[in-house]
N, C-alpha and C. Protein backbone atom coordinates (compact mmCIF):
# COMPACT_ATOMS: atom_id res chain seq x y z
N MET A 1 -19.41 40.51 29.53
CA MET A 1 -18.92 40.75 29.30
C MET A 1 -17.27 39.39 29.65
N GLN A 2 -17.56 39.15 30.26
CA GLN A 2 -17.22 37.49 30.85
C GLN A 2 -17.81 36.38 29.63
N ASP A 3 -19.35 36.27 30.22
CA ASP A 3 -19.71 35.13 29.62
C ASP A 3 -19.86 35.32 27.92
N GLU A 4 -19.55 36.75 27.32
CA GLU A 4 -19.45 36.40 25.68
C GLU A 4 -17.47 36.18 25.42
N ARG A 5 -17.31 36.82 26.93
CA ARG A 5 -15.93 35.78 25.78
C ARG A 5 -16.04 34.08 25.79
N THR A 6 -16.11 33.51 27.01
CA THR A 6 -16.16 31.84 27.12
C THR A 6 -16.87 31.43 26.24
N ALA A 7 -18.08 31.87 25.83
CA ALA A 7 -18.92 31.62 24.24
C ALA A 7 -18.27 31.85 23.39
N THR A 8 -17.54 32.88 22.87
CA THR A 8 -16.67 33.04 22.11
C THR A 8 -15.72 32.22 22.00
N LEU A 9 -15.09 31.96 22.67
CA LEU A 9 -14.13 30.84 23.28
C LEU A 9 -14.41 29.19 23.02
N GLU A 10 -14.97 28.90 23.44
CA GLU A 10 -16.15 27.88 23.53
C GLU A 10 -15.92 27.52 21.39
N GLN A 11 -17.71 28.72 21.08
CA GLN A 11 -17.60 28.43 19.33
C GLN A 11 -15.55 28.20 18.52
N ILE A 12 -14.75 29.02 19.32
CA ILE A 12 -13.44 28.64 18.66
C ILE A 12 -13.11 26.97 18.82
N GLY A 13 -13.68 26.68 19.79
CA GLY A 13 -13.00 25.55 20.42
C GLY A 13 -13.90 24.22 19.65
N ALA A 14 -15.15 24.39 19.46
CA ALA A 14 -16.10 23.82 18.94
C ALA A 14 -15.54 23.79 17.15
N ALA A 15 -15.11 24.93 16.57
CA ALA A 15 -14.97 24.69 14.85
C ALA A 15 -13.84 24.25 14.51
N PHE A 16 -12.66 24.31 15.86
CA PHE A 16 -11.81 23.35 16.15
C PHE A 16 -11.51 21.56 15.71
N ARG A 17 -13.03 21.55 16.05
CA ARG A 17 -12.50 20.06 15.82
C ARG A 17 -13.24 19.92 14.99
N GLN A 18 -14.43 20.48 14.09
CA GLN A 18 -15.37 20.44 13.51
C GLN A 18 -14.30 20.22 12.27
N THR A 19 -13.14 20.95 11.73
CA THR A 19 -12.77 21.27 10.75
C THR A 19 -11.44 20.98 11.37
N ARG A 20 -10.58 20.15 12.23
CA ARG A 20 -9.29 19.24 11.83
C ARG A 20 -9.64 18.31 11.60
N PRO A 21 -8.50 17.44 10.41
CA PRO A 21 -8.35 17.05 9.26
C PRO A 21 -7.98 15.42 10.47
N PRO A 22 -8.34 14.32 9.63
CA PRO A 22 -9.20 13.07 10.45
C PRO A 22 -7.59 12.43 10.96
N GLU A 23 -7.30 11.93 11.78
CA GLU A 23 -6.54 11.96 12.35
C GLU A 23 -5.70 10.46 11.35
N PRO A 24 -4.25 10.14 11.20
CA PRO A 24 -3.48 9.48 10.70
C PRO A 24 -4.18 7.37 10.69
N GLU A 25 -4.35 7.17 9.73
CA GLU A 25 -4.76 5.77 10.31
C GLU A 25 -3.74 4.84 10.87
N ALA A 26 -2.60 5.18 10.79
CA ALA A 26 -1.49 4.30 11.13
C ALA A 26 -1.19 5.36 11.84
N ASP A 27 -0.19 4.43 13.08
CA ASP A 27 0.63 5.67 14.03
C ASP A 27 2.31 5.52 13.34
N MET A 28 2.87 5.79 13.77
CA MET A 28 3.99 6.15 12.66
C MET A 28 4.90 6.31 14.47
N PRO A 29 6.23 5.60 14.16
CA PRO A 29 7.04 5.12 14.86
C PRO A 29 6.99 6.40 16.10
N ALA A 30 8.84 5.69 17.03
CA ALA A 30 8.94 6.99 17.86
C ALA A 30 9.63 7.74 17.40
N ARG A 31 10.98 6.86 16.53
CA ARG A 31 11.39 7.63 15.79
C ARG A 31 10.84 7.50 14.45
N PRO A 32 10.41 8.52 13.81
CA PRO A 32 9.92 8.28 12.31
C PRO A 32 11.31 8.38 11.56
N THR A 33 11.71 7.71 10.16
CA THR A 33 12.89 7.50 9.37
C THR A 33 12.19 8.03 7.88
N LEU A 34 12.51 8.63 7.10
CA LEU A 34 11.72 9.04 6.04
C LEU A 34 11.17 7.75 5.58
N VAL A 35 11.53 6.46 5.27
CA VAL A 35 11.12 5.00 4.87
C VAL A 35 9.60 5.58 5.76
N ASP A 36 9.53 6.19 6.84
CA ASP A 36 8.21 5.56 7.28
C ASP A 36 7.15 6.51 7.13
N ILE A 37 7.65 7.83 6.79
CA ILE A 37 7.07 8.74 6.21
C ILE A 37 6.37 8.13 5.04
N PHE A 38 7.30 7.30 4.27
CA PHE A 38 6.77 7.26 2.97
C PHE A 38 5.29 6.58 2.88
N ASN A 39 5.73 5.61 3.44
CA ASN A 39 5.33 4.15 4.16
C ASN A 39 3.35 4.52 4.62
N LEU A 40 3.93 5.57 5.37
CA LEU A 40 2.64 5.83 6.82
C LEU A 40 2.10 7.45 5.85
N ARG A 41 2.58 8.61 5.53
CA ARG A 41 2.05 9.81 5.43
C ARG A 41 1.94 9.85 3.65
N LEU A 42 3.15 9.43 3.51
CA LEU A 42 2.81 9.88 1.62
C LEU A 42 2.16 9.37 0.46
N ASN A 43 1.43 7.85 1.32
CA ASN A 43 0.55 6.69 0.88
C ASN A 43 -0.39 7.69 0.28
N THR A 44 -1.05 8.04 0.92
CA THR A 44 -2.84 8.51 0.46
C THR A 44 -3.09 9.79 -0.13
N PRO A 45 -3.70 9.85 -1.23
CA PRO A 45 -4.06 11.55 -1.98
C PRO A 45 -4.61 12.55 -1.46
N LYS A 46 -3.93 13.99 -1.16
CA LYS A 46 -4.14 14.35 -0.31
C LYS A 46 -3.62 15.94 -1.07
N PHE A 47 -5.15 16.82 -0.49
CA PHE A 47 -5.48 18.69 -1.40
C PHE A 47 -6.02 18.15 -2.65
N GLY A 48 -6.72 16.90 -2.41
CA GLY A 48 -7.40 16.96 -3.61
C GLY A 48 -7.06 16.42 -5.16
N LEU A 49 -5.29 16.08 -4.77
CA LEU A 49 -4.77 15.04 -6.18
C LEU A 49 -5.03 14.23 -6.48
N PRO A 50 -4.87 13.84 -7.16
CA PRO A 50 -5.52 11.85 -7.76
C PRO A 50 -4.71 11.28 -7.65
N ILE A 51 -3.50 11.03 -6.59
CA ILE A 51 -2.25 10.76 -6.96
C ILE A 51 -1.49 10.95 -5.79
N ALA A 52 -1.83 9.84 -5.06
CA ALA A 52 -0.74 10.14 -3.35
C ALA A 52 0.82 10.14 -3.88
N ALA A 53 1.46 11.29 -2.77
CA ALA A 53 3.05 11.29 -3.45
C ALA A 53 3.87 10.83 -3.52
N ALA A 54 3.61 9.48 -2.58
CA ALA A 54 4.53 9.29 -2.88
C ALA A 54 5.12 7.68 -3.97
N VAL A 55 3.27 7.31 -4.02
CA VAL A 55 3.07 6.83 -5.54
C VAL A 55 4.00 7.22 -7.29
N HIS A 56 3.75 8.55 -6.82
CA HIS A 56 4.22 9.60 -7.86
C HIS A 56 5.54 9.20 -7.69
N CYS A 57 6.40 10.16 -6.33
CA CYS A 57 7.62 10.25 -6.23
C CYS A 57 8.48 8.88 -6.41
N THR A 58 8.22 7.89 -5.42
CA THR A 58 8.86 6.55 -6.32
C THR A 58 8.66 5.68 -7.48
N GLN A 59 7.84 6.72 -8.89
CA GLN A 59 7.55 6.10 -10.28
C GLN A 59 8.66 7.46 -10.77
N CYS A 60 9.16 8.52 -10.60
CA CYS A 60 9.49 9.77 -10.81
C CYS A 60 11.41 8.88 -10.58
N ALA A 61 11.75 8.77 -9.41
CA ALA A 61 12.96 8.00 -8.99
C ALA A 61 13.22 6.96 -10.06
N ALA A 62 12.18 5.81 -9.72
CA ALA A 62 12.47 4.45 -10.73
C ALA A 62 12.70 5.12 -12.10
N GLN A 63 11.79 6.08 -12.94
CA GLN A 63 12.83 6.47 -14.66
C GLN A 63 13.55 7.16 -14.22
N ALA A 64 14.45 7.54 -13.30
CA ALA A 64 15.17 8.57 -12.58
C ALA A 64 16.79 7.17 -12.70
N LEU A 65 16.69 6.20 -12.00
CA LEU A 65 16.89 5.06 -11.47
C LEU A 65 17.94 4.41 -12.40
N GLN A 66 16.46 3.84 -13.69
CA GLN A 66 16.50 3.86 -14.83
C GLN A 66 17.52 4.10 -15.71
N ALA A 67 17.41 5.01 -16.36
CA ALA A 67 18.04 6.34 -17.28
C ALA A 67 19.38 6.72 -16.55
N GLY A 68 20.16 5.11 -15.67
CA GLY A 68 20.97 5.99 -15.22
C GLY A 68 21.33 7.07 -14.82
N MET A 69 20.88 7.49 -13.86
CA MET A 69 21.21 9.09 -13.19
C MET A 69 22.08 8.98 -12.21
N ASP A 70 22.72 10.11 -11.66
CA ASP A 70 23.70 9.81 -10.81
C ASP A 70 22.66 9.87 -9.46
N GLU A 71 23.12 9.22 -7.98
CA GLU A 71 22.41 9.52 -6.94
C GLU A 71 21.82 10.02 -6.50
N GLU A 72 22.15 11.98 -6.28
CA GLU A 72 21.88 12.60 -6.35
C GLU A 72 20.30 13.20 -6.31
N THR A 73 20.60 12.50 -8.59
CA THR A 73 19.40 13.27 -8.71
C THR A 73 17.78 12.58 -8.94
N VAL A 74 18.63 10.91 -8.51
CA VAL A 74 17.59 9.90 -8.30
C VAL A 74 16.80 10.37 -6.81
N LEU A 75 17.86 10.65 -6.45
CA LEU A 75 17.02 11.09 -4.95
C LEU A 75 16.51 12.66 -4.89
N ALA A 76 16.56 13.27 -5.53
CA ALA A 76 15.34 14.54 -5.98
C ALA A 76 14.90 14.26 -6.18
N CYS A 77 14.63 13.34 -7.25
CA CYS A 77 13.18 12.49 -8.06
C CYS A 77 12.73 12.29 -6.95
N LEU A 78 13.19 11.51 -5.83
CA LEU A 78 12.36 10.44 -4.84
C LEU A 78 11.59 11.60 -3.62
N LEU A 79 12.29 12.48 -3.81
CA LEU A 79 11.74 14.06 -2.54
C LEU A 79 11.17 14.69 -3.10
N HIS A 80 11.00 15.06 -4.91
CA HIS A 80 10.31 16.40 -5.37
C HIS A 80 9.36 17.09 -4.96
N ASP A 81 8.62 15.61 -4.83
CA ASP A 81 6.96 16.81 -4.25
C ASP A 81 6.79 16.31 -2.91
N VAL A 82 8.13 16.25 -2.05
CA VAL A 82 7.15 15.86 -0.34
C VAL A 82 6.28 17.56 -0.05
N GLY A 83 6.53 18.56 -0.62
CA GLY A 83 6.12 19.63 -0.40
C GLY A 83 4.44 18.98 -0.99
N LEU A 84 4.22 18.56 -0.97
CA LEU A 84 3.19 17.82 -1.36
C LEU A 84 1.98 17.51 -0.42
N ALA A 85 2.52 17.29 0.47
CA ALA A 85 2.24 16.45 1.64
C ALA A 85 1.80 17.95 2.47
N VAL A 86 2.46 18.61 2.97
CA VAL A 86 2.34 19.95 3.78
C VAL A 86 1.89 21.21 2.50
N CYS A 87 2.03 21.51 1.98
CA CYS A 87 1.38 22.85 1.34
C CYS A 87 1.02 22.67 -0.24
N ARG A 88 0.13 22.29 -1.03
CA ARG A 88 0.02 22.71 -2.16
C ARG A 88 0.39 23.65 -3.32
N PRO A 89 0.13 24.84 -2.85
CA PRO A 89 1.26 26.39 -4.07
C PRO A 89 2.36 26.47 -3.34
N ASP A 90 2.76 26.52 -4.73
CA ASP A 90 4.32 26.29 -4.49
C ASP A 90 5.86 25.19 -3.41
N HIS A 91 5.07 24.05 -3.95
CA HIS A 91 4.96 23.09 -3.41
C HIS A 91 7.18 22.93 -3.86
N GLY A 92 7.29 23.16 -4.43
CA GLY A 92 9.20 24.16 -5.04
C GLY A 92 9.85 23.96 -3.65
N TRP A 93 9.07 25.08 -3.36
CA TRP A 93 9.74 25.66 -2.60
C TRP A 93 9.60 24.71 -0.92
N TRP A 94 8.26 24.30 -0.76
CA TRP A 94 8.17 23.93 0.48
C TRP A 94 9.39 22.64 0.73
N GLY A 95 8.84 21.91 0.18
CA GLY A 95 9.54 20.06 -0.27
C GLY A 95 11.32 21.32 0.23
N ALA A 96 11.76 21.62 -0.67
CA ALA A 96 13.41 21.70 -1.04
C ALA A 96 13.81 22.83 0.68
N GLN A 97 12.71 23.05 1.67
CA GLN A 97 13.14 24.28 2.77
C GLN A 97 13.03 22.41 4.26
N LEU A 98 11.95 20.96 3.22
CA LEU A 98 11.42 20.55 3.95
C LEU A 98 12.44 19.54 4.02
N VAL A 99 13.39 19.08 4.04
CA VAL A 99 14.31 18.41 3.50
C VAL A 99 15.51 18.95 3.15
N GLU A 100 15.62 20.00 3.32
CA GLU A 100 17.40 21.07 3.94
C GLU A 100 18.23 20.47 4.56
N PRO A 101 17.90 20.05 5.56
CA PRO A 101 18.86 20.15 6.35
C PRO A 101 19.54 18.64 6.87
N TYR A 102 19.26 18.05 5.68
CA TYR A 102 19.13 15.89 5.92
C TYR A 102 19.61 15.56 4.50
N VAL A 103 19.99 16.48 3.19
CA VAL A 103 20.72 16.31 1.71
C VAL A 103 21.50 16.69 1.42
N SER A 104 21.77 16.83 0.57
CA SER A 104 23.01 18.33 -0.05
C SER A 104 22.28 19.01 -0.44
N GLU A 105 23.11 20.53 -0.71
CA GLU A 105 22.47 21.54 -1.65
C GLU A 105 22.04 21.76 -2.72
N LYS A 106 22.86 20.73 -3.12
CA LYS A 106 22.44 20.18 -4.43
C LYS A 106 20.91 19.57 -4.84
N VAL A 107 21.02 18.30 -4.03
CA VAL A 107 19.58 18.19 -4.43
C VAL A 107 18.75 19.14 -3.82
N SER A 108 18.58 19.63 -1.81
CA SER A 108 17.38 20.13 -2.06
C SER A 108 17.61 21.55 -3.29
N TRP A 109 18.59 21.86 -4.01
CA TRP A 109 18.10 22.98 -4.62
C TRP A 109 17.39 22.29 -6.52
N ALA A 110 18.03 21.32 -6.55
CA ALA A 110 17.04 20.75 -7.55
C ALA A 110 15.60 20.49 -7.81
N ILE A 111 14.81 20.63 -6.27
CA ILE A 111 13.92 20.06 -5.48
C ILE A 111 12.97 21.83 -5.74
N ARG A 112 13.58 22.78 -5.14
CA ARG A 112 13.76 23.49 -5.29
C ARG A 112 12.61 24.25 -6.78
N TYR A 113 13.51 24.37 -7.79
CA TYR A 113 13.59 24.64 -8.69
C TYR A 113 13.14 23.77 -10.01
N HIS A 114 12.45 22.92 -9.78
CA HIS A 114 11.69 21.86 -10.57
C HIS A 114 10.38 22.83 -11.20
N GLN A 115 9.89 23.35 -10.18
CA GLN A 115 8.35 23.90 -9.98
C GLN A 115 8.08 24.74 -10.88
N ALA A 116 9.41 25.57 -10.31
CA ALA A 116 9.30 26.40 -11.63
C ALA A 116 10.04 25.89 -13.00
N LEU A 117 10.64 24.83 -13.11
CA LEU A 117 11.21 25.13 -14.57
C LEU A 117 10.17 24.06 -15.57
N ARG A 118 8.74 23.74 -14.48
CA ARG A 118 8.10 22.39 -14.87
C ARG A 118 6.91 23.49 -16.31
N TYR A 119 7.18 25.08 -16.01
CA TYR A 119 6.75 26.23 -17.18
C TYR A 119 7.20 25.86 -18.14
N PHE A 120 8.01 25.94 -18.67
CA PHE A 120 9.14 26.49 -19.32
C PHE A 120 10.11 25.29 -20.03
N PRO A 121 9.28 25.17 -21.50
CA PRO A 121 10.39 23.65 -22.23
C PRO A 121 11.70 24.28 -22.22
N ASP A 122 12.35 23.39 -22.90
CA ASP A 122 13.68 22.91 -23.03
C ASP A 122 13.73 22.38 -24.41
N GLU A 123 13.58 22.71 -25.21
CA GLU A 123 14.23 21.67 -26.41
C GLU A 123 15.22 21.10 -26.58
N SER A 124 15.80 21.76 -25.99
CA SER A 124 17.72 20.81 -25.76
C SER A 124 17.04 20.01 -25.29
N VAL A 125 16.71 19.46 -24.92
CA VAL A 125 16.34 18.45 -23.53
C VAL A 125 15.48 17.46 -23.87
N GLY A 126 14.15 17.78 -25.23
CA GLY A 126 13.93 17.90 -25.31
C GLY A 126 12.03 17.52 -24.50
N TYR A 127 11.68 18.40 -23.95
CA TYR A 127 11.08 19.38 -22.97
C TYR A 127 9.83 19.88 -23.04
N GLU A 128 8.68 18.87 -23.15
CA GLU A 128 7.76 20.21 -23.63
C GLU A 128 6.90 20.77 -22.52
N TYR A 129 6.43 21.54 -22.47
CA TYR A 129 5.09 22.88 -21.76
C TYR A 129 4.14 21.22 -21.53
N PRO A 130 3.84 20.83 -20.85
CA PRO A 130 2.98 19.49 -20.09
C PRO A 130 1.62 20.45 -20.68
N GLN A 131 0.77 19.33 -21.72
CA GLN A 131 -0.59 19.44 -21.31
C GLN A 131 -1.58 19.77 -20.25
N MET A 132 -1.31 18.48 -18.96
CA MET A 132 -1.88 18.77 -18.08
C MET A 132 -1.90 20.54 -17.79
N TYR A 133 -0.84 20.76 -18.11
CA TYR A 133 -1.08 22.63 -17.46
C TYR A 133 -2.11 23.49 -18.69
N VAL A 134 -1.86 22.49 -19.90
CA VAL A 134 -3.22 23.74 -20.72
C VAL A 134 -4.07 23.41 -19.97
N LYS A 135 -4.39 22.03 -19.45
CA LYS A 135 -6.23 21.73 -19.47
C LYS A 135 -6.83 22.57 -17.82
N MET A 136 -5.39 22.55 -16.23
CA MET A 136 -5.61 23.65 -16.05
C MET A 136 -5.82 24.28 -15.71
N PHE A 137 -4.92 25.23 -16.27
CA PHE A 137 -4.52 26.34 -16.78
C PHE A 137 -5.49 27.33 -17.86
N GLY A 138 -5.60 26.82 -18.89
CA GLY A 138 -6.22 27.51 -20.46
C GLY A 138 -4.75 27.53 -21.31
N GLU A 139 -5.58 27.75 -22.39
CA GLU A 139 -4.35 28.12 -23.77
C GLU A 139 -3.35 29.14 -23.50
N ASP A 140 -3.33 30.31 -22.05
CA ASP A 140 -3.35 31.86 -22.66
C ASP A 140 -3.01 31.87 -21.35
N TYR A 141 -2.72 31.60 -20.45
CA TYR A 141 -2.00 31.29 -19.03
C TYR A 141 -0.55 31.45 -19.33
N ARG A 142 -0.11 32.39 -18.32
CA ARG A 142 1.30 33.31 -18.00
C ARG A 142 1.09 32.92 -16.67
N PRO A 143 2.96 32.55 -16.12
CA PRO A 143 3.09 31.75 -14.79
C PRO A 143 3.67 32.89 -13.93
N PRO A 144 3.59 33.39 -13.19
CA PRO A 144 3.40 34.65 -12.17
C PRO A 144 4.30 34.85 -12.44
N GLU A 145 5.44 36.64 -12.26
CA GLU A 145 6.31 36.41 -12.13
C GLU A 145 7.20 36.25 -11.35
N TYR A 146 7.29 35.76 -10.21
CA TYR A 146 8.67 34.95 -9.61
C TYR A 146 8.73 33.95 -10.26
N ILE A 147 7.78 33.01 -10.86
CA ILE A 147 7.95 31.46 -11.15
C ILE A 147 9.04 31.50 -12.47
N ALA A 148 8.46 33.01 -12.98
CA ALA A 148 9.80 33.50 -14.49
C ALA A 148 11.01 33.80 -14.15
N ALA A 149 10.73 34.77 -13.07
CA ALA A 149 12.29 34.67 -12.51
C ALA A 149 13.16 33.66 -11.83
N ALA A 150 12.31 32.49 -11.11
CA ALA A 150 13.39 31.29 -10.99
C ALA A 150 13.49 30.35 -12.01
N HIS A 151 12.65 30.60 -13.02
CA HIS A 151 13.37 29.70 -13.78
C HIS A 151 14.20 30.46 -15.04
N GLU A 152 14.55 31.78 -14.95
CA GLU A 152 15.88 32.69 -15.90
C GLU A 152 16.42 32.33 -14.77
N TYR A 153 16.84 32.10 -13.28
CA TYR A 153 18.05 32.20 -12.64
C TYR A 153 18.27 30.78 -12.25
N ALA A 154 17.67 29.88 -12.96
CA ALA A 154 17.84 28.43 -12.36
C ALA A 154 18.41 27.77 -14.27
N ARG A 155 18.18 29.08 -14.96
CA ARG A 155 18.31 27.99 -16.12
C ARG A 155 19.47 28.35 -16.95
N ASN A 156 19.88 29.39 -15.58
CA ASN A 156 21.63 30.22 -16.06
C ASN A 156 22.94 28.91 -15.00
N HIS A 157 21.91 28.38 -14.57
CA HIS A 157 22.68 28.24 -12.90
C HIS A 157 23.55 26.54 -13.26
N LYS A 158 24.49 26.43 -12.49
CA LYS A 158 25.91 25.08 -12.47
C LYS A 158 24.90 23.92 -12.54
N TRP A 159 23.60 24.04 -11.37
CA TRP A 159 22.96 22.34 -11.09
C TRP A 159 20.90 22.53 -11.91
N TYR A 160 21.30 23.31 -13.07
CA TYR A 160 20.80 23.38 -13.95
C TYR A 160 19.50 22.13 -14.42
N MET A 161 21.37 21.56 -14.99
CA MET A 161 20.79 20.09 -15.72
C MET A 161 19.91 19.00 -14.72
N HIS A 162 20.40 19.61 -12.68
CA HIS A 162 20.00 18.18 -12.14
C HIS A 162 18.29 18.47 -11.42
N SER A 163 18.03 19.84 -12.25
CA SER A 163 16.37 20.36 -11.64
C SER A 163 15.60 19.98 -13.11
N ARG A 164 16.14 20.09 -14.12
CA ARG A 164 15.23 19.42 -15.30
C ARG A 164 15.33 18.39 -15.61
N ASN A 165 15.91 17.60 -14.76
CA ASN A 165 16.42 16.47 -15.12
C ASN A 165 15.06 15.28 -14.32
N ILE A 166 14.61 16.13 -13.35
CA ILE A 166 13.18 15.90 -12.11
C ILE A 166 12.28 16.20 -12.73
N THR A 167 11.94 17.92 -14.11
CA THR A 167 11.19 17.58 -15.22
C THR A 167 11.04 16.71 -15.92
N LEU A 168 11.56 16.46 -16.89
CA LEU A 168 11.49 15.08 -17.60
C LEU A 168 11.38 13.79 -16.96
N PHE A 169 11.61 12.77 -16.01
CA PHE A 169 10.64 11.90 -15.33
C PHE A 169 9.21 12.42 -14.93
N ASP A 170 9.51 13.38 -13.88
CA ASP A 170 8.24 13.62 -13.75
C ASP A 170 7.05 13.39 -14.50
N ASP A 171 7.26 13.57 -16.15
CA ASP A 171 5.86 13.72 -16.69
C ASP A 171 5.89 12.23 -16.74
N TYR A 172 5.88 11.53 -16.45
CA TYR A 172 5.97 9.84 -16.63
C TYR A 172 5.69 8.89 -15.63
N SER A 173 5.11 9.86 -14.60
CA SER A 173 5.59 9.79 -13.17
C SER A 173 3.15 9.35 -12.99
N PHE A 174 2.80 9.11 -13.42
CA PHE A 174 1.54 9.51 -13.46
C PHE A 174 0.49 8.59 -13.61
N GLU A 175 1.24 7.17 -13.91
CA GLU A 175 0.23 6.45 -13.37
C GLU A 175 -0.57 6.17 -11.78
N LYS A 176 -1.70 6.12 -11.72
CA LYS A 176 -2.53 5.84 -10.60
C LYS A 176 -2.71 4.78 -9.90
N ASN A 177 -2.20 3.79 -9.93
CA ASN A 177 -1.91 2.29 -9.23
C ASN A 177 -1.09 1.82 -9.46
N PRO A 178 0.20 1.92 -9.36
CA PRO A 178 1.26 0.79 -9.70
C PRO A 178 1.25 0.40 -8.09
N THR A 179 1.97 -1.06 -8.44
CA THR A 179 2.35 -1.77 -7.03
C THR A 179 4.05 -0.43 -7.33
N TRP A 180 3.93 0.07 -6.29
CA TRP A 180 5.18 1.28 -5.59
C TRP A 180 5.71 0.24 -4.35
N SER A 181 7.15 1.30 -4.19
CA SER A 181 7.89 0.89 -3.08
C SER A 181 9.23 1.84 -2.93
N VAL A 182 9.38 1.37 -2.00
CA VAL A 182 10.29 2.79 -2.28
C VAL A 182 11.81 1.73 -1.41
N GLU A 183 11.81 0.58 -0.88
CA GLU A 183 12.84 -0.48 -1.49
C GLU A 183 14.10 -0.17 -1.69
N PRO A 184 13.75 -0.32 -3.56
CA PRO A 184 14.17 0.38 -4.29
C PRO A 184 15.60 1.37 -4.12
N PHE A 185 15.41 2.13 -3.35
CA PHE A 185 15.78 3.53 -3.16
C PHE A 185 16.23 3.96 -1.13
N THR A 186 16.48 2.32 -0.88
CA THR A 186 17.26 2.33 0.55
C THR A 186 18.06 3.20 0.35
N ASP A 187 18.39 2.31 -0.50
CA ASP A 187 20.11 2.13 -0.02
C ASP A 187 20.70 3.88 -0.35
N ILE A 188 20.27 4.16 -1.00
CA ILE A 188 20.68 5.83 -1.71
C ILE A 188 20.32 6.82 -1.01
N VAL A 189 19.17 6.31 0.06
CA VAL A 189 18.85 7.15 1.21
C VAL A 189 19.75 6.82 2.32
N GLY A 190 19.77 5.71 2.44
CA GLY A 190 21.42 5.96 3.98
C GLY A 190 22.42 6.62 3.03
N ARG A 191 22.78 7.34 1.96
CA ARG A 191 24.04 7.45 1.84
C ARG A 191 23.88 9.10 1.47
N HIS A 192 22.58 8.96 1.88
CA HIS A 192 22.48 10.66 0.87
C HIS A 192 21.60 11.65 1.88
N PHE A 193 21.07 10.80 2.20
CA PHE A 193 19.72 11.53 3.69
C PHE A 193 20.32 11.07 5.07
N ARG A 194 20.37 12.54 5.54
CA ARG A 194 21.00 12.38 7.37
C ARG A 194 20.13 12.35 7.85
N GLN A 195 20.13 11.02 7.78
CA GLN A 195 18.61 10.67 9.27
C GLN A 195 18.71 10.62 11.00
N PRO A 196 17.81 11.62 11.05
CA PRO A 196 18.25 11.71 12.46
C PRO A 196 18.20 10.72 13.29
N LYS A 197 18.81 10.70 14.43
CA LYS A 197 18.64 9.89 15.82
C LYS A 197 17.79 9.20 16.11
N GLU A 198 17.35 10.94 16.87
CA GLU A 198 15.99 11.59 17.41
C GLU A 198 14.81 10.88 16.41
N GLY A 199 14.95 10.49 15.07
CA GLY A 199 13.82 10.40 14.73
C GLY A 199 13.40 11.90 13.70
N LEU A 200 12.45 12.17 11.91
CA LEU A 200 12.25 13.36 11.52
C LEU A 200 11.54 14.07 12.54
N GLY A 201 11.30 15.06 12.97
CA GLY A 201 10.53 15.35 13.74
C GLY A 201 10.99 16.01 15.30
N ASN A 202 12.08 14.92 16.15
CA ASN A 202 11.82 15.24 16.62
C ASN A 202 13.57 15.81 16.89
N ASP A 203 14.36 16.02 16.39
CA ASP A 203 15.02 16.27 15.62
C ASP A 203 15.51 17.91 15.92
N ALA A 204 16.41 18.95 15.97
CA ALA A 204 16.49 20.37 16.49
C ALA A 204 16.43 20.74 15.00
N SER A 205 16.54 20.16 14.27
CA SER A 205 16.19 21.48 12.64
C SER A 205 15.51 22.48 12.36
N ALA A 206 16.18 22.87 11.61
CA ALA A 206 15.25 24.27 11.31
C ALA A 206 13.54 23.74 10.48
N THR A 207 13.31 22.88 9.85
CA THR A 207 12.34 22.39 9.21
C THR A 207 11.77 21.29 10.14
N SER A 208 12.63 20.36 11.71
CA SER A 208 11.83 19.59 12.11
C SER A 208 10.17 20.41 12.79
N HIS A 209 9.64 20.88 12.68
CA HIS A 209 8.23 21.25 12.84
C HIS A 209 7.40 20.84 11.71
N MET A 210 7.90 21.06 10.51
CA MET A 210 6.86 20.56 8.88
C MET A 210 6.92 19.11 9.17
N TRP A 211 8.05 18.85 9.56
CA TRP A 211 7.42 16.78 9.49
C TRP A 211 6.62 16.39 10.68
N ARG A 212 6.52 17.09 11.84
CA ARG A 212 5.53 16.53 13.04
C ARG A 212 4.16 17.24 12.20
N THR A 213 4.71 18.26 11.62
CA THR A 213 2.68 18.56 10.78
C THR A 213 2.22 17.36 9.78
N LEU A 214 2.97 16.66 8.90
CA LEU A 214 3.27 16.00 8.21
C LEU A 214 3.34 14.21 9.15
N ILE A 215 3.14 14.83 10.03
CA ILE A 215 3.38 13.69 11.03
C ILE A 215 2.07 13.34 11.69
N ASP A 216 2.05 13.99 12.28
CA ASP A 216 0.51 14.70 12.52
C ASP A 216 -0.56 15.45 11.95
N PRO A 217 -1.09 15.27 10.83
CA PRO A 217 -1.46 16.96 10.44
C PRO A 217 -2.89 16.88 11.29
N SER A 218 -3.64 15.63 11.82
CA SER A 218 -5.22 16.43 12.69
C SER A 218 -4.28 17.28 13.80
N LYS A 219 -3.71 17.64 14.89
CA LYS A 219 -3.24 18.52 15.90
C LYS A 219 -4.43 19.56 15.71
N PRO A 220 -5.77 20.00 16.80
CA PRO A 220 -6.22 21.25 16.04
C PRO A 220 -5.03 22.51 16.54
N LEU A 221 -3.68 22.64 16.77
CA LEU A 221 -3.26 23.81 16.91
C LEU A 221 -1.63 23.34 17.18
């Protein structure tokens, strides 16, 4: 029995070693900032996506900035897909939870609901159902009930347009190989993102473990 248990544990250990993601190419500073996360972790595509989150998000934020949006909307655009660095399904909810301790409630709310709003057109602001979704899901696809319920709730919320604006700029932010930088947004980040002095992942927030996962995804446990 002991030999069988030892063999099973050794098999589990070997499986972990074989399936763990590769270690990140660049080391993270001892006290990581949001800018470090963009430059060193969000800079490569994940989960089979053709474009890195940093590349897409900075394009989206640039569109918002150029359109004269308020700073919180620009920040929400910059952060709207950071959840994709942790988990692909329900990335709006993951992203909102990830940044919630560090931004205003309005910013995290906008990020949470942009995912649901993406599925529903709004003619009043010129937002159409994305053709990308037709390609992905087919002509007759209908999103799950929780997505429809989230859209209905958000549609009648006072912050609806903050989230809807993300979807407007989101659609124009899929150039694969642009010259990108988070630098144009560092002042906005400084004013509206509560960077912990210990560094993201090292503080005692409710989501610090998620930042640690993002920073070092190759940990076996």
